[in-house]
Amino acid sequence: ALRQAWSAPEDPRLTRFLLAGRLTRIKGHLTIIEAAAR
């Protein structure tokens, strides 16, 4: 049910990272976006 809600089917080719927490600056989302870009 969660895979369907998130459009996140099982895919052995992918490593899926989860950042769980409210969307606030202190949680470091922007650091991860920059890391993903790299």
Full PDB file with SEQRES, HELIX, SHEET, SSBOND, CRYST1, ORIGX, SCALE, CONECT and MASTER records, all heavy atoms in Angstrom:
SEQRES   1 A   38  ALA LEU ARG GLN ALA TRP SER ALA PRO GLU ASP PRO ARG          
SEQRES   2 A   38  LEU THR ARG PHE LEU LEU ALA GLY ARG LEU THR ARG ILE          
SEQRES   3 A   38  LYS GLY HIS LEU THR ILE ILE GLU ALA ALA ALA ARG              
HELIX    1 AA1 LEU A    2  TRP A    6  1                                   5    
HELIX    2 AA2 ARG A   25  LYS A   27  5                                   3    
HELIX    3 AA3 HIS A   29  ALA A   37  1                                   9    
CRYST1    1.000    1.000    1.000  90.00  90.00  90.00 P 1           1          
ORIGX1      1.000000  0.000000  0.000000        0.00000                         
ORIGX2      0.000000  1.000000  0.000000        0.00000                         
ORIGX3      0.000000  0.000000  1.000000        0.00000                         
SCALE1      1.000000  0.000000  0.000000        0.00000                         
SCALE2      0.000000  1.000000  0.000000        0.00000                         
SCALE3      0.000000  0.000000  1.000000        0.00000                         
ATOM      1  N   ALA A   1       0.832  -1.209   0.000  1.00  0.00           N  
ATOM      2  CA  ALA A   1       0.000   0.000   0.000  1.00  0.00           C  
ATOM      3  C   ALA A   1       0.859   1.249   0.000  1.00  0.00           C  
ATOM      4  O   ALA A   1       0.565   2.227  -0.708  1.00  0.00           O  
ATOM      5  CB  ALA A   1      -0.927  -0.006   1.215  1.00  0.00           C  
ATOM      6  N   LEU A   2       1.953   1.223   0.772  1.00  0.00           N  
ATOM      7  CA  LEU A   2       2.828   2.394   0.827  1.00  0.00           C  
ATOM      8  C   LEU A   2       3.614   2.544  -0.475  1.00  0.00           C  
ATOM      9  O   LEU A   2       3.812   3.669  -0.966  1.00  0.00           O  
ATOM     10  CB  LEU A   2       3.770   2.269   2.017  1.00  0.00           C  
ATOM     11  CG  LEU A   2       4.364   3.574   2.556  1.00  0.00           C  
ATOM     12  CD1 LEU A   2       3.276   4.593   2.866  1.00  0.00           C  
ATOM     13  CD2 LEU A   2       5.199   3.302   3.801  1.00  0.00           C  
ATOM     14  N   ARG A   3       4.048   1.433  -1.044  1.00  0.00           N  
ATOM     15  CA  ARG A   3       4.750   1.513  -2.331  1.00  0.00           C  
ATOM     16  C   ARG A   3       3.844   2.137  -3.393  1.00  0.00           C  
ATOM     17  O   ARG A   3       4.294   2.952  -4.204  1.00  0.00           O  
ATOM     18  CB  ARG A   3       5.184   0.108  -2.783  1.00  0.00           C  
ATOM     19  CG  ARG A   3       6.352  -0.469  -2.011  1.00  0.00           C  
ATOM     20  CD  ARG A   3       6.894  -1.721  -2.706  1.00  0.00           C  
ATOM     21  NE  ARG A   3       7.951  -2.364  -1.953  1.00  0.00           N  
ATOM     22  CZ  ARG A   3       9.226  -1.962  -1.931  1.00  0.00           C  
ATOM     23  NH1 ARG A   3       9.580  -0.889  -2.616  1.00  0.00           N  
ATOM     24  NH2 ARG A   3      10.117  -2.615  -1.229  1.00  0.00           N  
ATOM     25  N   GLN A   4       2.584   1.765  -3.370  1.00  0.00           N  
ATOM     26  CA  GLN A   4       1.650   2.318  -4.348  1.00  0.00           C  
ATOM     27  C   GLN A   4       1.411   3.802  -4.091  1.00  0.00           C  
ATOM     28  O   GLN A   4       1.414   4.613  -5.020  1.00  0.00           O  
ATOM     29  CB  GLN A   4       0.327   1.560  -4.292  1.00  0.00           C  
ATOM     30  CG  GLN A   4      -0.686   2.041  -5.332  1.00  0.00           C  
ATOM     31  CD  GLN A   4      -1.949   1.203  -5.342  1.00  0.00           C  
ATOM     32  OE1 GLN A   4      -2.131   0.317  -4.511  1.00  0.00           O  
ATOM     33  NE2 GLN A   4      -2.831   1.452  -6.296  1.00  0.00           N  
ATOM     34  N   ALA A   5       1.225   4.166  -2.808  1.00  0.00           N  
ATOM     35  CA  ALA A   5       0.970   5.571  -2.473  1.00  0.00           C  
ATOM     36  C   ALA A   5       2.147   6.454  -2.840  1.00  0.00           C  
ATOM     37  O   ALA A   5       1.964   7.614  -3.243  1.00  0.00           O  
ATOM     38  CB  ALA A   5       0.651   5.690  -0.983  1.00  0.00           C  
ATOM     39  N   TRP A   6       3.352   5.926  -2.697  1.00  0.00           N  
ATOM     40  CA  TRP A   6       4.551   6.714  -2.964  1.00  0.00           C  
ATOM     41  C   TRP A   6       5.098   6.500  -4.379  1.00  0.00           C  
ATOM     42  O   TRP A   6       6.123   7.086  -4.723  1.00  0.00           O  
ATOM     43  CB  TRP A   6       5.646   6.340  -1.969  1.00  0.00           C  
ATOM     44  CG  TRP A   6       5.419   6.877  -0.582  1.00  0.00           C  
ATOM     45  CD1 TRP A   6       4.420   7.706  -0.162  1.00  0.00           C  
ATOM     46  CD2 TRP A   6       6.241   6.613   0.571  1.00  0.00           C  
ATOM     47  NE1 TRP A   6       4.555   7.985   1.171  1.00  0.00           N  
ATOM     48  CE2 TRP A   6       5.663   7.335   1.652  1.00  0.00           C  
ATOM     49  CE3 TRP A   6       7.386   5.857   0.797  1.00  0.00           C  
ATOM     50  CZ2 TRP A   6       6.212   7.311   2.937  1.00  0.00           C  
ATOM     51  CZ3 TRP A   6       7.932   5.831   2.071  1.00  0.00           C  
ATOM     52  CH2 TRP A   6       7.350   6.548   3.129  1.00  0.00           C  
ATOM     53  N   SER A   7       4.436   5.665  -5.167  1.00  0.00           N  
ATOM     54  CA  SER A   7       4.959   5.302  -6.503  1.00  0.00           C  
ATOM     55  C   SER A   7       6.407   4.836  -6.371  1.00  0.00           C  
ATOM     56  O   SER A   7       7.310   5.318  -7.077  1.00  0.00           O  
ATOM     57  CB  SER A   7       4.858   6.499  -7.459  1.00  0.00           C  
ATOM     58  OG  SER A   7       3.520   6.903  -7.621  1.00  0.00           O  
ATOM     59  N   ALA A   8       6.614   3.906  -5.447  1.00  0.00           N  
ATOM     60  CA  ALA A   8       7.959   3.418  -5.143  1.00  0.00           C  
ATOM     61  C   ALA A   8       7.992   1.893  -5.234  1.00  0.00           C  
ATOM     62  O   ALA A   8       8.142   1.193  -4.233  1.00  0.00           O  
ATOM     63  CB  ALA A   8       8.376   3.874  -3.751  1.00  0.00           C  
ATOM     64  N   PRO A   9       7.839   1.358  -6.449  1.00  0.00           N  
ATOM     65  CA  PRO A   9       7.851  -0.103  -6.599  1.00  0.00           C  
ATOM     66  C   PRO A   9       9.217  -0.681  -6.241  1.00  0.00           C  
ATOM     67  O   PRO A   9      10.235   0.019  -6.299  1.00  0.00           O  
ATOM     68  CB  PRO A   9       7.541  -0.301  -8.084  1.00  0.00           C  
ATOM     69  CG  PRO A   9       8.009   0.962  -8.738  1.00  0.00           C  
ATOM     70  CD  PRO A   9       7.741   2.048  -7.754  1.00  0.00           C  
ATOM     71  N   GLU A  10       9.207  -1.938  -5.861  1.00  0.00           N  
ATOM     72  CA  GLU A  10      10.477  -2.603  -5.552  1.00  0.00           C  
ATOM     73  C   GLU A  10      11.334  -2.646  -6.812  1.00  0.00           C  
ATOM     74  O   GLU A  10      10.878  -3.027  -7.884  1.00  0.00           O  
ATOM     75  CB  GLU A  10      10.202  -4.021  -5.046  1.00  0.00           C  
ATOM     76  CG  GLU A  10      11.421  -4.692  -4.450  1.00  0.00           C  
ATOM     77  CD  GLU A  10      11.066  -5.957  -3.698  1.00  0.00           C  
ATOM     78  OE1 GLU A  10       9.878  -6.348  -3.719  1.00  0.00           O  
ATOM     79  OE2 GLU A  10      11.969  -6.558  -3.099  1.00  0.00           O  
ATOM     80  N   ASP A  11      12.592  -2.228  -6.665  1.00  0.00           N  
ATOM     81  CA  ASP A  11      13.493  -2.163  -7.817  1.00  0.00           C  
ATOM     82  C   ASP A  11      14.903  -2.502  -7.345  1.00  0.00           C  
ATOM     83  O   ASP A  11      15.555  -1.695  -6.674  1.00  0.00           O  
ATOM     84  CB  ASP A  11      13.469  -0.761  -8.437  1.00  0.00           C  
ATOM     85  CG  ASP A  11      14.239  -0.689  -9.752  1.00  0.00           C  
ATOM     86  OD1 ASP A  11      15.067  -1.583 -10.005  1.00  0.00           O  
ATOM     87  OD2 ASP A  11      14.012   0.273 -10.509  1.00  0.00           O  
ATOM     88  N   PRO A  12      15.384  -3.710  -7.639  1.00  0.00           N  
ATOM     89  CA  PRO A  12      16.711  -4.126  -7.157  1.00  0.00           C  
ATOM     90  C   PRO A  12      17.853  -3.279  -7.706  1.00  0.00           C  
ATOM     91  O   PRO A  12      18.968  -3.332  -7.185  1.00  0.00           O  
ATOM     92  CB  PRO A  12      16.820  -5.580  -7.625  1.00  0.00           C  
ATOM     93  CG  PRO A  12      15.848  -5.687  -8.759  1.00  0.00           C  
ATOM     94  CD  PRO A  12      14.734  -4.748  -8.443  1.00  0.00           C  
ATOM     95  N   ARG A  13      17.569  -2.478  -8.724  1.00  0.00           N  
ATOM     96  CA  ARG A  13      18.624  -1.625  -9.295  1.00  0.00           C  
ATOM     97  C   ARG A  13      18.840  -0.364  -8.474  1.00  0.00           C  
ATOM     98  O   ARG A  13      19.848   0.326  -8.641  1.00  0.00           O  
ATOM     99  CB  ARG A  13      18.263  -1.237 -10.730  1.00  0.00           C  
ATOM    100  CG  ARG A  13      18.133  -2.411 -11.699  1.00  0.00           C  
ATOM    101  CD  ARG A  13      17.504  -1.963 -12.995  1.00  0.00           C  
ATOM    102  NE  ARG A  13      16.163  -1.412 -12.774  1.00  0.00           N  
ATOM    103  CZ  ARG A  13      15.410  -0.864 -13.720  1.00  0.00           C  
ATOM    104  NH1 ARG A  13      15.875  -0.789 -14.966  1.00  0.00           N  
ATOM    105  NH2 ARG A  13      14.203  -0.397 -13.436  1.00  0.00           N  
ATOM    106  N   LEU A  14      17.872  -0.030  -7.599  1.00  0.00           N  
ATOM    107  CA  LEU A  14      17.924   1.218  -6.832  1.00  0.00           C  
ATOM    108  C   LEU A  14      18.241   0.974  -5.368  1.00  0.00           C  
ATOM    109  O   LEU A  14      17.786  -0.012  -4.786  1.00  0.00           O  
ATOM    110  CB  LEU A  14      16.581   1.955  -6.910  1.00  0.00           C  
ATOM    111  CG  LEU A  14      16.142   2.540  -8.245  1.00  0.00           C  
ATOM    112  CD1 LEU A  14      14.775   3.212  -8.066  1.00  0.00           C  
ATOM    113  CD2 LEU A  14      17.154   3.544  -8.770  1.00  0.00           C  
ATOM    114  N   THR A  15      19.003   1.893  -4.782  1.00  0.00           N  
ATOM    115  CA  THR A  15      19.122   1.970  -3.328  1.00  0.00           C  
ATOM    116  C   THR A  15      18.248   3.134  -2.898  1.00  0.00           C  
ATOM    117  O   THR A  15      18.439   4.267  -3.346  1.00  0.00           O  
ATOM    118  CB  THR A  15      20.571   2.199  -2.880  1.00  0.00           C  
ATOM    119  OG1 THR A  15      21.386   1.118  -3.342  1.00  0.00           O  
ATOM    120  CG2 THR A  15      20.661   2.304  -1.361  1.00  0.00           C  
ATOM    121  N   ARG A  16      17.270   2.842  -2.058  1.00  0.00           N  
ATOM    122  CA  ARG A  16      16.284   3.866  -1.673  1.00  0.00           C  
ATOM    123  C   ARG A  16      16.630   4.403  -0.281  1.00  0.00           C  
ATOM    124  O   ARG A  16      16.701   3.666   0.695  1.00  0.00           O  
ATOM    125  CB  ARG A  16      14.882   3.265  -1.711  1.00  0.00           C  
ATOM    126  CG  ARG A  16      13.781   4.244  -1.522  1.00  0.00           C  
ATOM    127  CD  ARG A  16      12.428   3.625  -1.888  1.00  0.00           C  
ATOM    128  NE  ARG A  16      12.211   3.625  -3.332  1.00  0.00           N  
ATOM    129  CZ  ARG A  16      11.854   2.555  -4.039  1.00  0.00           C  
ATOM    130  NH1 ARG A  16      11.665   1.402  -3.441  1.00  0.00           N  
ATOM    131  NH2 ARG A  16      11.670   2.642  -5.345  1.00  0.00           N  
ATOM    132  N   PHE A  17      16.824   5.723  -0.204  1.00  0.00           N  
ATOM    133  CA  PHE A  17      17.142   6.405   1.045  1.00  0.00           C  
ATOM    134  C   PHE A  17      15.893   7.131   1.556  1.00  0.00           C  
ATOM    135  O   PHE A  17      15.195   7.778   0.778  1.00  0.00           O  
ATOM    136  CB  PHE A  17      18.267   7.424   0.844  1.00  0.00           C  
ATOM    137  CG  PHE A  17      19.572   6.816   0.402  1.00  0.00           C  
ATOM    138  CD1 PHE A  17      19.860   6.671  -0.954  1.00  0.00           C  
ATOM    139  CD2 PHE A  17      20.516   6.388   1.327  1.00  0.00           C  
ATOM    140  CE1 PHE A  17      21.060   6.118  -1.379  1.00  0.00           C  
ATOM    141  CE2 PHE A  17      21.715   5.830   0.916  1.00  0.00           C  
ATOM    142  CZ  PHE A  17      21.992   5.691  -0.437  1.00  0.00           C  
ATOM    143  N   LEU A  18      15.651   7.035   2.857  1.00  0.00           N  
ATOM    144  CA  LEU A  18      14.472   7.675   3.446  1.00  0.00           C  
ATOM    145  C   LEU A  18      14.889   8.681   4.506  1.00  0.00           C  
ATOM    146  O   LEU A  18      15.575   8.343   5.472  1.00  0.00           O  
ATOM    147  CB  LEU A  18      13.566   6.617   4.092  1.00  0.00           C  
ATOM    148  CG  LEU A  18      12.328   7.158   4.827  1.00  0.00           C  
ATOM    149  CD1 LEU A  18      11.348   7.789   3.843  1.00  0.00           C  
ATOM    150  CD2 LEU A  18      11.641   6.051   5.629  1.00  0.00           C  
ATOM    151  N   LEU A  19      14.463   9.944   4.300  1.00  0.00           N  
ATOM    152  CA  LEU A  19      14.626  10.979   5.317  1.00  0.00           C  
ATOM    153  C   LEU A  19      13.244  11.222   5.923  1.00  0.00           C  
ATOM    154  O   LEU A  19      12.383  11.819   5.288  1.00  0.00           O  
ATOM    155  CB  LEU A  19      15.192  12.274   4.705  1.00  0.00           C  
ATOM    156  CG  LEU A  19      15.791  13.312   5.679  1.00  0.00           C  
ATOM    157  CD1 LEU A  19      16.511  14.415   4.895  1.00  0.00           C  
ATOM    158  CD2 LEU A  19      14.769  13.938   6.610  1.00  0.00           C  
ATOM    159  N   ALA A  20      13.051  10.725   7.142  1.00  0.00           N  
ATOM    160  CA  ALA A  20      11.752  10.841   7.805  1.00  0.00           C  
ATOM    161  C   ALA A  20      11.802  11.965   8.836  1.00  0.00           C  
ATOM    162  O   ALA A  20      12.678  11.976   9.697  1.00  0.00           O  
ATOM    163  CB  ALA A  20      11.388   9.523   8.482  1.00  0.00           C  
ATOM    164  N   GLY A  21      10.881  12.894   8.720  1.00  0.00           N  
ATOM    165  CA  GLY A  21      10.837  14.005   9.665  1.00  0.00           C  
ATOM    166  C   GLY A  21      10.133  15.186   9.044  1.00  0.00           C  
ATOM    167  O   GLY A  21      10.044  15.301   7.816  1.00  0.00           O  
ATOM    168  N   ARG A  22       9.640  16.061   9.898  1.00  0.00           N  
ATOM    169  CA  ARG A  22       8.919  17.231   9.399  1.00  0.00           C  
ATOM    170  C   ARG A  22       9.807  18.052   8.471  1.00  0.00           C  
ATOM    171  O   ARG A  22      11.035  18.044   8.599  1.00  0.00           O  
ATOM    172  CB  ARG A  22       8.412  18.081  10.564  1.00  0.00           C  
ATOM    173  CG  ARG A  22       9.501  18.710  11.402  1.00  0.00           C  
ATOM    174  CD  ARG A  22       8.922  19.332  12.670  1.00  0.00           C  
ATOM    175  NE  ARG A  22       9.933  20.044  13.449  1.00  0.00           N  
ATOM    176  CZ  ARG A  22      10.794  19.486  14.267  1.00  0.00           C  
ATOM    177  NH1 ARG A  22      10.791  18.170  14.418  1.00  0.00           N  
ATOM    178  NH2 ARG A  22      11.672  20.206  14.930  1.00  0.00           N  
ATOM    179  N   LEU A  23       9.180  18.745   7.535  1.00  0.00           N  
ATOM    180  CA  LEU A  23       9.928  19.566   6.587  1.00  0.00           C  
ATOM    181  C   LEU A  23      10.301  20.881   7.263  1.00  0.00           C  
ATOM    182  O   LEU A  23       9.526  21.843   7.296  1.00  0.00           O  
ATOM    183  CB  LEU A  23       9.095  19.825   5.323  1.00  0.00           C  
ATOM    184  CG  LEU A  23       8.674  18.593   4.520  1.00  0.00           C  
ATOM    185  CD1 LEU A  23       7.957  19.006   3.242  1.00  0.00           C  
ATOM    186  CD2 LEU A  23       9.873  17.707   4.198  1.00  0.00           C  
ATOM    187  N   THR A  24      11.487  20.895   7.816  1.00  0.00           N  
ATOM    188  CA  THR A  24      12.023  22.092   8.448  1.00  0.00           C  
ATOM    189  C   THR A  24      13.516  22.140   8.175  1.00  0.00           C  
ATOM    190  O   THR A  24      14.168  21.099   8.003  1.00  0.00           O  
ATOM    191  CB  THR A  24      11.738  22.085   9.965  1.00  0.00           C  
ATOM    192  OG1 THR A  24      12.304  23.241  10.568  1.00  0.00           O  
ATOM    193  CG2 THR A  24      12.306  20.854  10.636  1.00  0.00           C  
ATOM    194  N   ARG A  25      14.061  23.327   8.126  1.00  0.00           N  
ATOM    195  CA  ARG A  25      15.437  23.523   7.674  1.00  0.00           C  
ATOM    196  C   ARG A  25      16.454  22.734   8.493  1.00  0.00           C  
ATOM    197  O   ARG A  25      17.473  22.273   7.967  1.00  0.00           O  
ATOM    198  CB  ARG A  25      15.764  25.017   7.689  1.00  0.00           C  
ATOM    199  CG  ARG A  25      16.972  25.409   6.864  1.00  0.00           C  
ATOM    200  CD  ARG A  25      17.074  26.932   6.757  1.00  0.00           C  
ATOM    201  NE  ARG A  25      15.903  27.501   6.110  1.00  0.00           N  
ATOM    202  CZ  ARG A  25      15.734  27.570   4.792  1.00  0.00           C  
ATOM    203  NH1 ARG A  25      16.673  27.102   3.985  1.00  0.00           N  
ATOM    204  NH2 ARG A  25      14.651  28.107   4.274  1.00  0.00           N  
ATOM    205  N   ILE A  26      16.203  22.585   9.783  1.00  0.00           N  
ATOM    206  CA  ILE A  26      17.185  21.922  10.638  1.00  0.00           C  
ATOM    207  C   ILE A  26      17.354  20.444  10.311  1.00  0.00           C  
ATOM    208  O   ILE A  26      18.340  19.831  10.716  1.00  0.00           O  
ATOM    209  CB  ILE A  26      16.833  22.084  12.134  1.00  0.00           C  
ATOM    210  CG1 ILE A  26      15.536  21.359  12.480  1.00  0.00           C  
ATOM    211  CG2 ILE A  26      16.769  23.548  12.523  1.00  0.00           C  
ATOM    212  CD1 ILE A  26      15.239  21.331  13.968  1.00  0.00           C  
ATOM    213  N   LYS A  27      16.427  19.868   9.555  1.00  0.00           N  
ATOM    214  CA  LYS A  27      16.514  18.443   9.245  1.00  0.00           C  
ATOM    215  C   LYS A  27      17.508  18.137   8.128  1.00  0.00           C  
ATOM    216  O   LYS A  27      17.831  16.968   7.875  1.00  0.00           O  
ATOM    217  CB  LYS A  27      15.139  17.886   8.872  1.00  0.00           C  
ATOM    218  CG  LYS A  27      14.131  17.902  10.017  1.00  0.00           C  
ATOM    219  CD  LYS A  27      14.563  17.029  11.178  1.00  0.00           C  
ATOM    220  CE  LYS A  27      13.510  16.976  12.272  1.00  0.00           C  
ATOM    221  NZ  LYS A  27      13.937  16.144  13.421  1.00  0.00           N  
ATOM    222  N   GLY A  28      17.978  19.161   7.418  1.00  0.00           N  
ATOM    223  CA  GLY A  28      19.067  18.952   6.468  1.00  0.00           C  
ATOM    224  C   GLY A  28      18.676  18.488   5.081  1.00  0.00           C  
ATOM    225  O   GLY A  28      19.506  17.934   4.350  1.00  0.00           O  
ATOM    226  N   HIS A  29      17.435  18.733   4.667  1.00  0.00           N  
ATOM    227  CA  HIS A  29      17.003  18.297   3.331  1.00  0.00           C  
ATOM    228  C   HIS A  29      17.878  18.878   2.221  1.00  0.00           C  
ATOM    229  O   HIS A  29      18.202  18.184   1.243  1.00  0.00           O  
ATOM    230  CB  HIS A  29      15.545  18.712   3.084  1.00  0.00           C  
ATOM    231  CG  HIS A  29      14.565  18.145   4.060  1.00  0.00           C  
ATOM    232  ND1 HIS A  29      14.273  18.756   5.251  1.00  0.00           N  
ATOM    233  CD2 HIS A  29      13.816  17.005   4.018  1.00  0.00           C  
ATOM    234  CE1 HIS A  29      13.371  18.032   5.908  1.00  0.00           C  
ATOM    235  NE2 HIS A  29      13.076  16.974   5.178  1.00  0.00           N  
ATOM    236  N   LEU A  30      18.243  20.143   2.353  1.00  0.00           N  
ATOM    237  CA  LEU A  30      19.013  20.797   1.295  1.00  0.00           C  
ATOM    238  C   LEU A  30      20.398  20.175   1.140  1.00  0.00           C  
ATOM    239  O   LEU A  30      20.938  20.111   0.026  1.00  0.00           O  
ATOM    240  CB  LEU A  30      19.117  22.296   1.568  1.00  0.00           C  
ATOM    241  CG  LEU A  30      17.799  23.070   1.407  1.00  0.00           C  
ATOM    242  CD1 LEU A  30      17.938  24.486   1.961  1.00  0.00           C  
ATOM    243  CD2 LEU A  30      17.378  23.119  -0.059  1.00  0.00           C  
ATOM    244  N   THR A  31      20.977  19.714   2.238  1.00  0.00           N  
ATOM    245  CA  THR A  31      22.262  19.016   2.160  1.00  0.00           C  
ATOM    246  C   THR A  31      22.124  17.754   1.314  1.00  0.00           C  
ATOM    247  O   THR A  31      22.989  17.442   0.485  1.00  0.00           O  
ATOM    248  CB  THR A  31      22.762  18.641   3.568  1.00  0.00           C  
ATOM    249  OG1 THR A  31      22.969  19.831   4.335  1.00  0.00           O  
ATOM    250  CG2 THR A  31      24.061  17.856   3.502  1.00  0.00           C  
ATOM    251  N   ILE A  32      21.016  17.039   1.496  1.00  0.00           N  
ATOM    252  CA  ILE A  32      20.802  15.796   0.756  1.00  0.00           C  
ATOM    253  C   ILE A  32      20.529  16.082  -0.718  1.00  0.00           C  
ATOM    254  O   ILE A  32      20.975  15.317  -1.602  1.00  0.00           O  
ATOM    255  CB  ILE A  32      19.658  14.985   1.381  1.00  0.00           C  
ATOM    256  CG1 ILE A  32      20.032  14.581   2.811  1.00  0.00           C  
ATOM    257  CG2 ILE A  32      19.335  13.757   0.548  1.00  0.00           C  
ATOM    258  CD1 ILE A  32      21.338  13.816   2.921  1.00  0.00           C  
ATOM    259  N   ILE A  33      19.811  17.155  -1.005  1.00  0.00           N  
ATOM    260  CA  ILE A  33      19.583  17.510  -2.421  1.00  0.00           C  
ATOM    261  C   ILE A  33      20.919  17.797  -3.101  1.00  0.00           C  
ATOM    262  O   ILE A  33      21.176  17.337  -4.220  1.00  0.00           O  
ATOM    263  CB  ILE A  33      18.637  18.722  -2.513  1.00  0.00           C  
ATOM    264  CG1 ILE A  33      17.224  18.324  -2.054  1.00  0.00           C  
ATOM    265  CG2 ILE A  33      18.594  19.263  -3.945  1.00  0.00           C  
ATOM    266  CD1 ILE A  33      16.261  19.487  -1.928  1.00  0.00           C  
ATOM    267  N   GLU A  34      21.791  18.532  -2.407  1.00  0.00           N  
ATOM    268  CA  GLU A  34      23.108  18.823  -2.992  1.00  0.00           C  
ATOM    269  C   GLU A  34      23.937  17.551  -3.126  1.00  0.00           C  
ATOM    270  O   GLU A  34      24.640  17.356  -4.131  1.00  0.00           O  
ATOM    271  CB  GLU A  34      23.849  19.845  -2.122  1.00  0.00           C  
ATOM    272  CG  GLU A  34      25.159  20.293  -2.740  1.00  0.00           C  
ATOM    273  CD  GLU A  34      25.887  21.349  -1.927  1.00  0.00           C  
ATOM    274  OE1 GLU A  34      25.258  21.957  -1.028  1.00  0.00           O  
ATOM    275  OE2 GLU A  34      27.089  21.558  -2.190  1.00  0.00           O  
ATOM    276  N   ALA A  35      23.857  16.670  -2.130  1.00  0.00           N  
ATOM    277  CA  ALA A  35      24.590  15.397  -2.204  1.00  0.00           C  
ATOM    278  C   ALA A  35      24.082  14.561  -3.377  1.00  0.00           C  
ATOM    279  O   ALA A  35      24.869  13.948  -4.115  1.00  0.00           O  
ATOM    280  CB  ALA A  35      24.444  14.629  -0.892  1.00  0.00           C  
ATOM    281  N   ALA A  36      22.768  14.524  -3.562  1.00  0.00           N  
ATOM    282  CA  ALA A  36      22.187  13.779  -4.682  1.00  0.00           C  
ATOM    283  C   ALA A  36      22.636  14.356  -6.014  1.00  0.00           C  
ATOM    284  O   ALA A  36      22.892  13.608  -6.978  1.00  0.00           O  
ATOM    285  CB  ALA A  36      20.663  13.798  -4.573  1.00  0.00           C  
ATOM    286  N   ALA A  37      22.722  15.677  -6.087  1.00  0.00           N  
ATOM    287  CA  ALA A  37      23.193  16.324  -7.316  1.00  0.00           C  
ATOM    288  C   ALA A  37      24.631  15.905  -7.625  1.00  0.00           C  
ATOM    289  O   ALA A  37      24.998  15.680  -8.790  1.00  0.00           O  
ATOM    290  CB  ALA A  37      23.096  17.838  -7.181  1.00  0.00           C  
ATOM    291  N   ARG A  38      25.453  15.780  -6.595  1.00  0.00           N  
ATOM    292  CA  ARG A  38      26.839  15.353  -6.793  1.00  0.00           C  
ATOM    293  C   ARG A  38      26.899  13.900  -7.272  1.00  0.00           C  
ATOM    294  O   ARG A  38      27.723  13.552  -8.136  1.00  0.00           O  
ATOM    295  CB  ARG A  38      27.628  15.524  -5.497  1.00  0.00           C  
ATOM    296  CG  ARG A  38      27.875  16.985  -5.118  1.00  0.00           C  
ATOM    297  CD  ARG A  38      28.459  17.117  -3.708  1.00  0.00           C  
ATOM    298  NE  ARG A  38      28.623  18.517  -3.349  1.00  0.00           N  
ATOM    299  CZ  ARG A  38      29.769  19.201  -3.393  1.00  0.00           C  
ATOM    300  NH1 ARG A  38      30.872  18.589  -3.792  1.00  0.00           N  
ATOM    301  NH2 ARG A  38      29.817  20.470  -3.046  1.00  0.00           N  
TER     302      ARG A  38                                                      
MASTER        0    0    0    3    0    0    0    6  301    1    0    3          
END                                                                             
